[in-house]
Amino acid sequence: MNTWPIEQLLPHAGDMILLDEVIEAEDERIVCRRTVRDGDLFHTPEGDLPAWCGVELMAQCVAAWSGWQARSEDRPVRLGFLLGTRHYRCDVDAFPRGSELRVEAIRSFHDDNGMAMFTCRIDAPGMHAVARLTVFSPPDSDAFLASIAPSPSHV
């Protein structure tokens, strides 16, 4: 398995990168790791990571899969969009400080236009979260963003 630092796989920067590393990567699946640390972005006053951040961890895992695919094929990492999630369930209110989270994404559907669906999960001792994420990664994100931006005459 080729490995790259997580920063080279995500179209994020700085504190917005919530994952620590890729543990496993395959054609249709990726597993990432995240250790919850005090002082991290989005943490509670107790140093925990709210459960609602699980959706972003899953989305970044999907983005890391896309980045890993791109890097493996010598293509640039592309921008992607989280369109929605179905049935996000988490059995804790927050992931406690010090928890090592295993975040997994498995691609279950994709089309040639950049639309895809992933089954995702987060596991740690005594904690479990699941969801299905729908994502979109257009072949040319700049052209896509320009096509949906309001024209100056409509502002």
N, C-alpha and C. Protein backbone atom coordinates (compact mmCIF):
# COMPACT_ATOMS: atom_id res chain seq x y z
N MET A 1 0.85 -1.18 0.00
CA MET A 1 0.00 0.00 0.00
C MET A 1 0.89 1.24 0.00
N ASN A 2 0.64 2.13 -0.93
CA ASN A 2 1.33 3.42 -0.92
C ASN A 2 0.77 4.25 0.23
N THR A 3 1.65 4.93 0.92
CA THR A 3 1.19 5.78 2.01
C THR A 3 1.69 7.20 1.79
N TRP A 4 0.83 8.14 2.07
CA TRP A 4 1.16 9.55 2.01
C TRP A 4 0.65 10.18 3.30
N PRO A 5 1.27 11.25 3.74
CA PRO A 5 0.72 11.97 4.89
C PRO A 5 -0.71 12.41 4.57
N ILE A 6 -1.55 12.40 5.58
CA ILE A 6 -2.96 12.72 5.39
C ILE A 6 -3.12 14.10 4.74
N GLU A 7 -2.22 15.03 5.02
CA GLU A 7 -2.28 16.38 4.46
C GLU A 7 -2.18 16.37 2.93
N GLN A 8 -1.54 15.34 2.38
CA GLN A 8 -1.39 15.24 0.93
C GLN A 8 -2.58 14.56 0.25
N LEU A 9 -3.51 14.05 1.05
CA LEU A 9 -4.66 13.34 0.49
C LEU A 9 -5.94 14.15 0.56
N LEU A 10 -5.98 15.14 1.44
CA LEU A 10 -7.20 15.91 1.66
C LEU A 10 -7.09 17.31 1.06
N PRO A 11 -8.20 17.84 0.55
CA PRO A 11 -8.19 19.23 0.08
C PRO A 11 -8.47 20.20 1.24
N HIS A 12 -8.04 19.84 2.44
CA HIS A 12 -8.21 20.65 3.65
C HIS A 12 -6.83 21.15 4.07
N ALA A 13 -6.82 22.05 5.03
CA ALA A 13 -5.54 22.55 5.53
C ALA A 13 -5.63 22.84 7.02
N GLY A 14 -4.49 22.81 7.67
CA GLY A 14 -4.39 23.21 9.06
C GLY A 14 -5.31 22.46 10.00
N ASP A 15 -5.95 23.21 10.89
CA ASP A 15 -6.81 22.62 11.91
C ASP A 15 -8.05 21.92 11.34
N MET A 16 -8.39 22.20 10.09
CA MET A 16 -9.57 21.56 9.50
C MET A 16 -9.30 20.10 9.12
N ILE A 17 -8.06 19.66 9.18
CA ILE A 17 -7.77 18.24 8.97
C ILE A 17 -8.00 17.54 10.30
N LEU A 18 -9.05 16.73 10.34
CA LEU A 18 -9.45 16.08 11.59
C LEU A 18 -8.93 14.65 11.73
N LEU A 19 -8.39 14.08 10.67
CA LEU A 19 -7.84 12.72 10.74
C LEU A 19 -6.33 12.78 10.95
N ASP A 20 -5.80 11.72 11.56
CA ASP A 20 -4.36 11.66 11.81
C ASP A 20 -3.59 10.93 10.71
N GLU A 21 -4.16 9.81 10.23
CA GLU A 21 -3.44 9.02 9.25
C GLU A 21 -4.35 7.99 8.60
N VAL A 22 -3.87 7.48 7.47
CA VAL A 22 -4.50 6.35 6.80
C VAL A 22 -3.85 5.08 7.32
N ILE A 23 -4.66 4.13 7.73
CA ILE A 23 -4.16 2.84 8.22
C ILE A 23 -4.16 1.80 7.11
N GLU A 24 -5.26 1.75 6.35
CA GLU A 24 -5.41 0.80 5.25
C GLU A 24 -6.09 1.52 4.10
N ALA A 25 -5.75 1.15 2.87
CA ALA A 25 -6.44 1.71 1.70
C ALA A 25 -6.46 0.64 0.61
N GLU A 26 -7.63 0.52 -0.01
CA GLU A 26 -7.84 -0.44 -1.08
C GLU A 26 -8.66 0.23 -2.17
N ASP A 27 -8.98 -0.51 -3.22
CA ASP A 27 -9.74 0.04 -4.33
C ASP A 27 -11.11 0.60 -3.92
N GLU A 28 -11.79 -0.04 -2.98
CA GLU A 28 -13.14 0.37 -2.61
C GLU A 28 -13.28 0.72 -1.14
N ARG A 29 -12.18 0.74 -0.39
CA ARG A 29 -12.26 0.89 1.06
C ARG A 29 -11.04 1.61 1.60
N ILE A 30 -11.26 2.34 2.69
CA ILE A 30 -10.15 3.00 3.39
C ILE A 30 -10.45 3.00 4.89
N VAL A 31 -9.40 2.93 5.68
CA VAL A 31 -9.51 3.02 7.13
C VAL A 31 -8.52 4.08 7.60
N CYS A 32 -9.03 5.02 8.39
CA CYS A 32 -8.19 6.10 8.93
C CYS A 32 -8.24 6.05 10.45
N ARG A 33 -7.31 6.78 11.07
CA ARG A 33 -7.23 6.85 12.52
C ARG A 33 -7.32 8.29 12.98
N ARG A 34 -7.94 8.46 14.13
CA ARG A 34 -8.04 9.78 14.76
C ARG A 34 -7.96 9.59 16.27
N THR A 35 -7.02 10.26 16.91
CA THR A 35 -6.96 10.26 18.37
C THR A 35 -7.53 11.59 18.85
N VAL A 36 -8.50 11.53 19.74
CA VAL A 36 -9.14 12.73 20.26
C VAL A 36 -8.19 13.36 21.28
N ARG A 37 -7.83 14.62 21.02
CA ARG A 37 -6.89 15.34 21.88
C ARG A 37 -7.53 16.61 22.43
N ASP A 38 -7.18 16.95 23.63
CA ASP A 38 -7.64 18.19 24.24
C ASP A 38 -7.12 19.36 23.43
N GLY A 39 -7.97 20.34 23.20
CA GLY A 39 -7.56 21.53 22.45
C GLY A 39 -7.79 21.43 20.97
N ASP A 40 -8.24 20.27 20.49
CA ASP A 40 -8.52 20.12 19.07
C ASP A 40 -9.72 20.98 18.68
N LEU A 41 -9.81 21.25 17.41
CA LEU A 41 -10.95 21.97 16.87
C LEU A 41 -12.23 21.21 17.20
N PHE A 42 -13.26 21.91 17.59
CA PHE A 42 -14.59 21.38 17.89
C PHE A 42 -14.69 20.67 19.24
N HIS A 43 -13.63 20.61 20.02
CA HIS A 43 -13.72 19.87 21.29
C HIS A 43 -14.62 20.60 22.29
N THR A 44 -15.15 19.83 23.22
CA THR A 44 -15.98 20.38 24.30
C THR A 44 -15.06 20.94 25.39
N PRO A 45 -15.61 21.67 26.36
CA PRO A 45 -14.76 22.15 27.46
C PRO A 45 -14.06 21.01 28.21
N GLU A 46 -14.63 19.81 28.15
CA GLU A 46 -14.01 18.66 28.81
C GLU A 46 -12.92 18.02 27.95
N GLY A 47 -12.77 18.48 26.71
CA GLY A 47 -11.75 17.93 25.82
C GLY A 47 -12.26 16.81 24.93
N ASP A 48 -13.56 16.54 24.99
CA ASP A 48 -14.15 15.49 24.16
C ASP A 48 -14.52 16.03 22.79
N LEU A 49 -14.74 15.13 21.84
CA LEU A 49 -15.16 15.49 20.49
C LEU A 49 -16.65 15.16 20.37
N PRO A 50 -17.52 16.15 20.15
CA PRO A 50 -18.95 15.87 20.06
C PRO A 50 -19.26 14.81 19.00
N ALA A 51 -20.27 14.00 19.26
CA ALA A 51 -20.63 12.92 18.34
C ALA A 51 -20.99 13.44 16.96
N TRP A 52 -21.55 14.65 16.88
CA TRP A 52 -21.94 15.19 15.57
C TRP A 52 -20.72 15.38 14.67
N CYS A 53 -19.53 15.48 15.23
CA CYS A 53 -18.31 15.59 14.42
C CYS A 53 -18.00 14.28 13.69
N GLY A 54 -18.67 13.21 14.10
CA GLY A 54 -18.46 11.93 13.44
C GLY A 54 -18.76 11.99 11.95
N VAL A 55 -19.78 12.78 11.57
CA VAL A 55 -20.11 12.91 10.15
C VAL A 55 -18.93 13.53 9.40
N GLU A 56 -18.30 14.54 9.97
CA GLU A 56 -17.14 15.16 9.32
C GLU A 56 -15.96 14.21 9.27
N LEU A 57 -15.75 13.42 10.32
CA LEU A 57 -14.68 12.42 10.29
C LEU A 57 -14.91 11.43 9.15
N MET A 58 -16.16 11.01 9.00
CA MET A 58 -16.50 10.08 7.91
C MET A 58 -16.28 10.74 6.55
N ALA A 59 -16.72 11.99 6.42
CA ALA A 59 -16.56 12.70 5.14
C ALA A 59 -15.08 12.87 4.81
N GLN A 60 -14.25 13.17 5.80
CA GLN A 60 -12.82 13.29 5.54
C GLN A 60 -12.19 11.94 5.21
N CYS A 61 -12.72 10.88 5.77
CA CYS A 61 -12.24 9.54 5.42
C CYS A 61 -12.54 9.26 3.95
N VAL A 62 -13.75 9.62 3.49
CA VAL A 62 -14.10 9.48 2.08
C VAL A 62 -13.16 10.33 1.22
N ALA A 63 -12.91 11.56 1.65
CA ALA A 63 -12.01 12.45 0.91
C ALA A 63 -10.59 11.86 0.86
N ALA A 64 -10.16 11.24 1.96
CA ALA A 64 -8.84 10.61 1.98
C ALA A 64 -8.79 9.44 1.00
N TRP A 65 -9.91 8.68 0.90
CA TRP A 65 -9.98 7.60 -0.09
C TRP A 65 -9.82 8.17 -1.50
N SER A 66 -10.54 9.24 -1.79
CA SER A 66 -10.45 9.88 -3.10
C SER A 66 -9.04 10.39 -3.37
N GLY A 67 -8.44 11.02 -2.37
CA GLY A 67 -7.07 11.51 -2.51
C GLY A 67 -6.07 10.38 -2.70
N TRP A 68 -6.28 9.28 -1.97
CA TRP A 68 -5.40 8.11 -2.11
C TRP A 68 -5.52 7.54 -3.53
N GLN A 69 -6.75 7.44 -4.04
CA GLN A 69 -6.96 6.96 -5.40
C GLN A 69 -6.23 7.87 -6.40
N ALA A 70 -6.41 9.18 -6.23
CA ALA A 70 -5.77 10.14 -7.15
C ALA A 70 -4.25 10.02 -7.09
N ARG A 71 -3.69 10.02 -5.90
CA ARG A 71 -2.23 9.95 -5.76
C ARG A 71 -1.69 8.64 -6.33
N SER A 72 -2.44 7.54 -6.14
CA SER A 72 -2.02 6.24 -6.66
C SER A 72 -1.96 6.24 -8.19
N GLU A 73 -2.79 7.09 -8.80
CA GLU A 73 -2.85 7.16 -10.27
C GLU A 73 -2.16 8.40 -10.81
N ASP A 74 -1.34 9.07 -9.98
CA ASP A 74 -0.61 10.28 -10.37
C ASP A 74 -1.53 11.38 -10.89
N ARG A 75 -2.70 11.52 -10.27
CA ARG A 75 -3.63 12.60 -10.59
C ARG A 75 -3.66 13.56 -9.42
N PRO A 76 -4.07 14.80 -9.66
CA PRO A 76 -4.19 15.74 -8.53
C PRO A 76 -5.38 15.38 -7.64
N VAL A 77 -5.27 15.73 -6.37
CA VAL A 77 -6.37 15.54 -5.42
C VAL A 77 -7.47 16.54 -5.78
N ARG A 78 -8.71 16.04 -5.88
CA ARG A 78 -9.84 16.88 -6.29
C ARG A 78 -10.70 17.30 -5.11
N LEU A 79 -11.34 18.41 -5.29
CA LEU A 79 -12.32 18.90 -4.33
C LEU A 79 -13.58 18.04 -4.42
N GLY A 80 -14.20 17.79 -3.29
CA GLY A 80 -15.44 17.03 -3.27
C GLY A 80 -16.44 17.70 -2.35
N PHE A 81 -17.67 17.27 -2.44
CA PHE A 81 -18.76 17.87 -1.66
C PHE A 81 -19.56 16.78 -0.95
N LEU A 82 -19.81 16.97 0.32
CA LEU A 82 -20.71 16.10 1.06
C LEU A 82 -22.12 16.58 0.77
N LEU A 83 -22.92 15.76 0.09
CA LEU A 83 -24.28 16.15 -0.24
C LEU A 83 -25.26 15.82 0.88
N GLY A 84 -24.97 14.78 1.61
CA GLY A 84 -25.88 14.42 2.69
C GLY A 84 -25.50 13.11 3.33
N THR A 85 -26.21 12.81 4.39
CA THR A 85 -25.99 11.56 5.11
C THR A 85 -27.33 10.94 5.44
N ARG A 86 -27.33 9.65 5.50
CA ARG A 86 -28.55 8.92 5.87
C ARG A 86 -28.27 8.10 7.12
N HIS A 87 -29.17 8.19 8.03
CA HIS A 87 -29.17 7.31 9.20
C HIS A 87 -27.89 7.39 10.03
N TYR A 88 -27.39 8.60 10.30
CA TYR A 88 -26.23 8.70 11.19
C TYR A 88 -26.68 8.29 12.58
N ARG A 89 -26.03 7.28 13.09
CA ARG A 89 -26.32 6.81 14.44
C ARG A 89 -24.99 6.70 15.19
N CYS A 90 -24.99 7.23 16.39
CA CYS A 90 -23.81 7.15 17.24
C CYS A 90 -24.30 6.79 18.64
N ASP A 91 -23.64 5.84 19.28
CA ASP A 91 -24.12 5.39 20.58
C ASP A 91 -23.50 6.14 21.77
N VAL A 92 -22.81 7.25 21.48
CA VAL A 92 -22.30 8.12 22.55
C VAL A 92 -22.60 9.57 22.19
N ASP A 93 -22.64 10.43 23.19
CA ASP A 93 -22.85 11.86 22.94
C ASP A 93 -21.57 12.56 22.48
N ALA A 94 -20.44 11.98 22.90
CA ALA A 94 -19.13 12.56 22.53
C ALA A 94 -18.09 11.45 22.56
N PHE A 95 -17.05 11.64 21.75
CA PHE A 95 -15.91 10.73 21.77
C PHE A 95 -14.92 11.29 22.80
N PRO A 96 -14.66 10.56 23.88
CA PRO A 96 -13.83 11.10 24.96
C PRO A 96 -12.38 11.37 24.55
N ARG A 97 -11.82 12.40 25.17
CA ARG A 97 -10.41 12.73 24.97
C ARG A 97 -9.57 11.47 25.22
N GLY A 98 -8.61 11.24 24.35
CA GLY A 98 -7.75 10.07 24.45
C GLY A 98 -8.24 8.88 23.66
N SER A 99 -9.47 8.92 23.19
CA SER A 99 -10.00 7.80 22.41
C SER A 99 -9.29 7.70 21.06
N GLU A 100 -8.97 6.49 20.66
CA GLU A 100 -8.42 6.26 19.33
C GLU A 100 -9.57 5.75 18.47
N LEU A 101 -9.97 6.57 17.50
CA LEU A 101 -11.11 6.25 16.65
C LEU A 101 -10.62 5.62 15.35
N ARG A 102 -11.28 4.56 14.96
CA ARG A 102 -11.01 3.89 13.68
C ARG A 102 -12.17 4.28 12.77
N VAL A 103 -11.87 5.02 11.71
CA VAL A 103 -12.89 5.54 10.79
C VAL A 103 -12.74 4.80 9.47
N GLU A 104 -13.83 4.15 9.04
CA GLU A 104 -13.79 3.34 7.82
C GLU A 104 -14.85 3.82 6.84
N ALA A 105 -14.50 3.82 5.56
CA ALA A 105 -15.44 4.16 4.49
C ALA A 105 -15.31 3.12 3.39
N ILE A 106 -16.46 2.60 2.95
CA ILE A 106 -16.50 1.61 1.87
C ILE A 106 -17.42 2.15 0.78
N ARG A 107 -16.88 2.26 -0.42
CA ARG A 107 -17.68 2.76 -1.54
C ARG A 107 -18.69 1.70 -1.95
N SER A 108 -19.96 2.09 -1.99
CA SER A 108 -21.01 1.14 -2.35
C SER A 108 -21.68 1.50 -3.68
N PHE A 109 -21.44 2.71 -4.17
CA PHE A 109 -22.03 3.14 -5.43
C PHE A 109 -21.19 4.29 -5.98
N HIS A 110 -21.08 4.35 -7.30
CA HIS A 110 -20.47 5.51 -7.95
C HIS A 110 -20.94 5.57 -9.40
N ASP A 111 -20.89 6.77 -9.97
CA ASP A 111 -21.19 6.90 -11.40
C ASP A 111 -20.07 7.69 -12.07
N ASP A 112 -20.14 7.80 -13.35
CA ASP A 112 -19.07 8.47 -14.11
C ASP A 112 -19.08 9.98 -13.97
N ASN A 113 -20.13 10.56 -13.38
CA ASN A 113 -20.23 12.01 -13.21
C ASN A 113 -19.65 12.50 -11.89
N GLY A 114 -19.20 11.58 -11.03
CA GLY A 114 -18.61 11.98 -9.76
C GLY A 114 -19.49 11.79 -8.55
N MET A 115 -20.68 11.25 -8.72
CA MET A 115 -21.57 10.97 -7.60
C MET A 115 -21.22 9.61 -7.01
N ALA A 116 -21.24 9.52 -5.66
CA ALA A 116 -20.91 8.25 -5.02
C ALA A 116 -21.61 8.15 -3.67
N MET A 117 -21.72 6.93 -3.19
CA MET A 117 -22.26 6.68 -1.85
C MET A 117 -21.28 5.77 -1.12
N PHE A 118 -21.05 6.07 0.16
CA PHE A 118 -20.15 5.31 1.00
C PHE A 118 -20.85 4.88 2.28
N THR A 119 -20.59 3.66 2.68
CA THR A 119 -21.03 3.17 3.98
C THR A 119 -19.86 3.42 4.92
N CYS A 120 -20.14 4.13 6.01
CA CYS A 120 -19.06 4.54 6.91
C CYS A 120 -19.33 4.08 8.34
N ARG A 121 -18.25 3.97 9.08
CA ARG A 121 -18.37 3.60 10.49
C ARG A 121 -17.20 4.18 11.27
N ILE A 122 -17.45 4.40 12.54
CA ILE A 122 -16.41 4.81 13.49
C ILE A 122 -16.48 3.81 14.63
N ASP A 123 -15.34 3.25 14.98
CA ASP A 123 -15.28 2.28 16.07
C ASP A 123 -14.16 2.64 17.03
N ALA A 124 -14.44 2.45 18.30
CA ALA A 124 -13.47 2.57 19.38
C ALA A 124 -14.03 1.73 20.52
N PRO A 125 -13.23 1.36 21.48
CA PRO A 125 -13.76 0.55 22.58
C PRO A 125 -14.98 1.21 23.22
N GLY A 126 -16.10 0.48 23.18
CA GLY A 126 -17.34 0.97 23.79
C GLY A 126 -18.07 2.03 22.98
N MET A 127 -17.62 2.31 21.75
CA MET A 127 -18.24 3.36 20.93
C MET A 127 -18.40 2.86 19.50
N HIS A 128 -19.52 3.28 18.90
CA HIS A 128 -19.78 2.87 17.53
C HIS A 128 -20.68 3.92 16.87
N ALA A 129 -20.35 4.28 15.64
CA ALA A 129 -21.19 5.19 14.85
C ALA A 129 -21.24 4.66 13.43
N VAL A 130 -22.38 4.84 12.77
CA VAL A 130 -22.55 4.40 11.39
C VAL A 130 -23.34 5.44 10.61
N ALA A 131 -23.12 5.46 9.30
CA ALA A 131 -23.89 6.34 8.41
C ALA A 131 -23.60 5.94 6.97
N ARG A 132 -24.47 6.41 6.09
CA ARG A 132 -24.20 6.33 4.65
C ARG A 132 -24.09 7.76 4.16
N LEU A 133 -23.00 8.06 3.47
CA LEU A 133 -22.74 9.40 2.97
C LEU A 133 -22.89 9.44 1.46
N THR A 134 -23.55 10.47 0.97
CA THR A 134 -23.63 10.73 -0.46
C THR A 134 -22.70 11.89 -0.75
N VAL A 135 -21.81 11.69 -1.72
CA VAL A 135 -20.79 12.69 -2.04
C VAL A 135 -20.76 12.95 -3.54
N PHE A 136 -20.18 14.10 -3.89
CA PHE A 136 -20.04 14.47 -5.29
C PHE A 136 -18.67 15.08 -5.49
N SER A 137 -17.93 14.55 -6.46
CA SER A 137 -16.61 15.08 -6.80
C SER A 137 -16.59 15.30 -8.31
N PRO A 138 -16.91 16.53 -8.74
CA PRO A 138 -16.97 16.79 -10.19
C PRO A 138 -15.58 16.66 -10.83
N PRO A 139 -15.54 16.25 -12.09
CA PRO A 139 -14.25 16.12 -12.77
C PRO A 139 -13.45 17.44 -12.79
N ASP A 140 -14.15 18.57 -12.88
CA ASP A 140 -13.50 19.88 -12.88
C ASP A 140 -14.23 20.75 -11.86
N SER A 141 -13.71 20.79 -10.63
CA SER A 141 -14.40 21.51 -9.56
C SER A 141 -14.45 23.02 -9.81
N ASP A 142 -13.43 23.59 -10.44
CA ASP A 142 -13.47 25.03 -10.73
C ASP A 142 -14.61 25.37 -11.69
N ALA A 143 -14.76 24.59 -12.74
CA ALA A 143 -15.85 24.82 -13.69
C ALA A 143 -17.20 24.60 -13.03
N PHE A 144 -17.29 23.59 -12.16
CA PHE A 144 -18.54 23.32 -11.46
C PHE A 144 -18.91 24.49 -10.55
N LEU A 145 -17.95 24.97 -9.76
CA LEU A 145 -18.22 26.10 -8.86
C LEU A 145 -18.60 27.35 -9.65
N ALA A 146 -17.94 27.58 -10.77
CA ALA A 146 -18.27 28.74 -11.61
C ALA A 146 -19.69 28.62 -12.16
N SER A 147 -20.12 27.38 -12.45
CA SER A 147 -21.45 27.19 -13.03
C SER A 147 -22.57 27.41 -12.02
N ILE A 148 -22.29 27.28 -10.73
CA ILE A 148 -23.35 27.47 -9.74
C ILE A 148 -23.25 28.81 -9.02
N ALA A 149 -22.18 29.55 -9.25
CA ALA A 149 -22.01 30.86 -8.61
C ALA A 149 -22.95 31.86 -9.26
N PRO A 150 -23.57 32.72 -8.46
CA PRO A 150 -24.44 33.73 -9.04
C PRO A 150 -23.63 34.72 -9.88
N SER A 151 -24.18 35.13 -10.97
CA SER A 151 -23.49 36.11 -11.80
C SER A 151 -23.60 37.48 -11.13
N PRO A 152 -22.65 38.38 -11.38
CA PRO A 152 -22.67 39.71 -10.73
C PRO A 152 -23.97 40.46 -11.00
N SER A 153 -24.62 40.22 -12.12
CA SER A 153 -25.86 40.95 -12.42
C SER A 153 -27.04 40.44 -11.60
N HIS A 154 -26.88 39.26 -10.93
CA HIS A 154 -27.97 38.71 -10.12
C HIS A 154 -27.76 38.94 -8.64
N VAL A 155 -26.72 39.61 -8.27
CA VAL A 155 -26.40 39.79 -6.84
C VAL A 155 -27.09 41.01 -6.31
